[in-house]
Amino acid sequence: MAHHKSAKKRARQDLARRARNRNIRGKLKTAIKNARTALVGSDGGAARDALRNAEREIRKAASKGVLSKKQASRRVSRLARRLNASASS
């Protein structure tokens, strides 16, 4: 346990940051899962909407520092590639 005032403050900040990151990561995982299930389905409009929502959550997580910018771009790219492949076939 922290003894100094600054260490106690740092511990409080870490807890708050951890809770915020877990919340963002949970929303991110749900959005990606919804997009993947929509891509498997036959409805192209729903898949596009789900992908748009997932991209929004991914970019938001990257801006908050939960994901790196490159990882966010890679995830969006892979989802978009799946959408384009399912639309063309």
C-alpha atoms as a PDB file:
ATOM      1  CA  MET A   1       0.000   0.000   0.000  1.00  0.00           C
ATOM      2  CA  ALA A   2       1.170   3.497  -0.783  1.00  0.00           C
ATOM      3  CA  HIS A   3       2.446   5.648   2.066  1.00  0.00           C
ATOM      4  CA  HIS A   4       3.250   8.975   0.440  1.00  0.00           C
ATOM      5  CA  LYS A   5       0.574  11.437  -0.546  1.00  0.00           C
ATOM      6  CA  SER A   6       1.670  11.457  -4.180  1.00  0.00           C
ATOM      7  CA  ALA A   7       1.727   7.632  -4.310  1.00  0.00           C
ATOM      8  CA  LYS A   8      -1.792   7.488  -2.894  1.00  0.00           C
ATOM      9  CA  LYS A   9      -2.979   9.941  -5.532  1.00  0.00           C
ATOM     10  CA  ARG A  10      -1.262   7.894  -8.241  1.00  0.00           C
ATOM     11  CA  ALA A  11      -3.052   4.758  -6.980  1.00  0.00           C
ATOM     12  CA  ARG A  12      -6.426   6.547  -7.156  1.00  0.00           C
ATOM     13  CA  GLN A  13      -5.671   7.770 -10.671  1.00  0.00           C
ATOM     14  CA  ASP A  14      -4.649   4.266 -11.749  1.00  0.00           C
ATOM     15  CA  LEU A  15      -7.934   2.823 -10.502  1.00  0.00           C
ATOM     16  CA  ALA A  16      -9.985   5.432 -12.320  1.00  0.00           C
ATOM     17  CA  ARG A  17      -7.952   5.008 -15.517  1.00  0.00           C
ATOM     18  CA  ARG A  18      -8.258   1.218 -15.333  1.00  0.00           C
ATOM     19  CA  ALA A  19     -12.037   1.429 -14.962  1.00  0.00           C
ATOM     20  CA  ARG A  20     -12.277   3.839 -17.898  1.00  0.00           C
ATOM     21  CA  ASN A  21     -10.064   1.651 -20.099  1.00  0.00           C
ATOM     22  CA  ARG A  22     -12.027  -1.493 -19.220  1.00  0.00           C
ATOM     23  CA  ASN A  23     -15.279   0.254 -20.136  1.00  0.00           C
ATOM     24  CA  ILE A  24     -13.906   1.436 -23.475  1.00  0.00           C
ATOM     25  CA  ARG A  25     -12.386  -1.990 -24.225  1.00  0.00           C
ATOM     26  CA  GLY A  26     -15.696  -3.688 -23.423  1.00  0.00           C
ATOM     27  CA  LYS A  27     -17.629  -1.440 -25.796  1.00  0.00           C
ATOM     28  CA  LEU A  28     -14.956  -2.018 -28.416  1.00  0.00           C
ATOM     29  CA  LYS A  29     -15.169  -5.816 -28.153  1.00  0.00           C
ATOM     30  CA  THR A  30     -18.966  -5.739 -28.350  1.00  0.00           C
ATOM     31  CA  ALA A  31     -18.940  -3.509 -31.434  1.00  0.00           C
ATOM     32  CA  ILE A  32     -16.390  -5.736 -33.193  1.00  0.00           C
ATOM     33  CA  LYS A  33     -18.353  -8.861 -32.308  1.00  0.00           C
ATOM     34  CA  ASN A  34     -21.572  -7.303 -33.645  1.00  0.00           C
ATOM     35  CA  ALA A  35     -19.797  -6.334 -36.855  1.00  0.00           C
ATOM     36  CA  ARG A  36     -18.410  -9.842 -37.350  1.00  0.00           C
ATOM     37  CA  THR A  37     -21.793 -11.475 -36.801  1.00  0.00           C
ATOM     38  CA  ALA A  38     -23.428  -8.983 -39.181  1.00  0.00           C
ATOM     39  CA  LEU A  39     -20.785  -9.763 -41.811  1.00  0.00           C
ATOM     40  CA  VAL A  40     -21.651 -13.461 -41.600  1.00  0.00           C
ATOM     41  CA  GLY A  41     -25.324 -12.680 -42.193  1.00  0.00           C
ATOM     42  CA  SER A  42     -26.880 -11.949 -45.567  1.00  0.00           C
ATOM     43  CA  ASP A  43     -28.056  -8.370 -44.863  1.00  0.00           C
ATOM     44  CA  GLY A  44     -25.509  -6.002 -46.430  1.00  0.00           C
ATOM     45  CA  GLY A  45     -27.060  -2.852 -44.976  1.00  0.00           C
ATOM     46  CA  ALA A  46     -26.890  -4.146 -41.428  1.00  0.00           C
ATOM     47  CA  ALA A  47     -23.295  -5.208 -41.997  1.00  0.00           C
ATOM     48  CA  ARG A  48     -22.364  -1.715 -43.226  1.00  0.00           C
ATOM     49  CA  ASP A  49     -24.041  -0.107 -40.214  1.00  0.00           C
ATOM     50  CA  ALA A  50     -22.345  -2.522 -37.820  1.00  0.00           C
ATOM     51  CA  LEU A  51     -18.984  -1.863 -39.475  1.00  0.00           C
ATOM     52  CA  ARG A  52     -19.522   1.897 -39.228  1.00  0.00           C
ATOM     53  CA  ASN A  53     -20.313   1.573 -35.522  1.00  0.00           C
ATOM     54  CA  ALA A  54     -17.306  -0.701 -34.943  1.00  0.00           C
ATOM     55  CA  GLU A  55     -15.009   1.716 -36.749  1.00  0.00           C
ATOM     56  CA  ARG A  56     -16.306   4.557 -34.603  1.00  0.00           C
ATOM     57  CA  GLU A  57     -15.592   2.616 -31.403  1.00  0.00           C
ATOM     58  CA  ILE A  58     -12.154   1.523 -32.646  1.00  0.00           C
ATOM     59  CA  ARG A  59     -11.151   5.083 -33.551  1.00  0.00           C
ATOM     60  CA  LYS A  60     -12.481   6.353 -30.233  1.00  0.00           C
ATOM     61  CA  ALA A  61     -10.436   3.750 -28.330  1.00  0.00           C
ATOM     62  CA  ALA A  62      -7.348   4.794 -30.273  1.00  0.00           C
ATOM     63  CA  SER A  63      -7.906   8.457 -29.475  1.00  0.00           C
ATOM     64  CA  LYS A  64      -8.229   7.603 -25.775  1.00  0.00           C
ATOM     65  CA  GLY A  65      -4.969   5.634 -25.847  1.00  0.00           C
ATOM     66  CA  VAL A  66      -6.530   2.205 -25.252  1.00  0.00           C
ATOM     67  CA  LEU A  67      -5.327   1.076 -28.696  1.00  0.00           C
ATOM     68  CA  SER A  68      -2.446   2.377 -30.750  1.00  0.00           C
ATOM     69  CA  LYS A  69      -3.310   4.264 -33.933  1.00  0.00           C
ATOM     70  CA  LYS A  70      -1.723   1.583 -36.098  1.00  0.00           C
ATOM     71  CA  GLN A  71      -3.595  -1.233 -34.388  1.00  0.00           C
ATOM     72  CA  ALA A  72      -6.849   0.665 -34.803  1.00  0.00           C
ATOM     73  CA  SER A  73      -6.215   1.167 -38.516  1.00  0.00           C
ATOM     74  CA  ARG A  74      -5.329  -2.504 -38.910  1.00  0.00           C
ATOM     75  CA  ARG A  75      -8.532  -3.642 -37.199  1.00  0.00           C
ATOM     76  CA  VAL A  76     -10.701  -1.318 -39.283  1.00  0.00           C
ATOM     77  CA  SER A  77      -8.939  -2.431 -42.450  1.00  0.00           C
ATOM     78  CA  ARG A  78      -9.516  -6.117 -41.708  1.00  0.00           C
ATOM     79  CA  LEU A  79     -13.199  -5.569 -40.995  1.00  0.00           C
ATOM     80  CA  ALA A  80     -13.616  -3.486 -44.164  1.00  0.00           C
ATOM     81  CA  ARG A  81     -11.839  -6.154 -46.185  1.00  0.00           C
ATOM     82  CA  ARG A  82     -14.289  -8.746 -44.870  1.00  0.00           C
ATOM     83  CA  LEU A  83     -17.228  -6.506 -45.775  1.00  0.00           C
ATOM     84  CA  ASN A  84     -15.932  -5.951 -49.304  1.00  0.00           C
ATOM     85  CA  ALA A  85     -15.271  -9.660 -49.782  1.00  0.00           C
ATOM     86  CA  SER A  86     -18.779 -10.597 -48.646  1.00  0.00           C
ATOM     87  CA  ALA A  87     -20.329  -7.887 -50.841  1.00  0.00           C
ATOM     88  CA  SER A  88     -18.473  -9.031 -53.959  1.00  0.00           C
ATOM     89  CA  SER A  89     -19.330 -12.718 -53.556  1.00  0.00           C
END
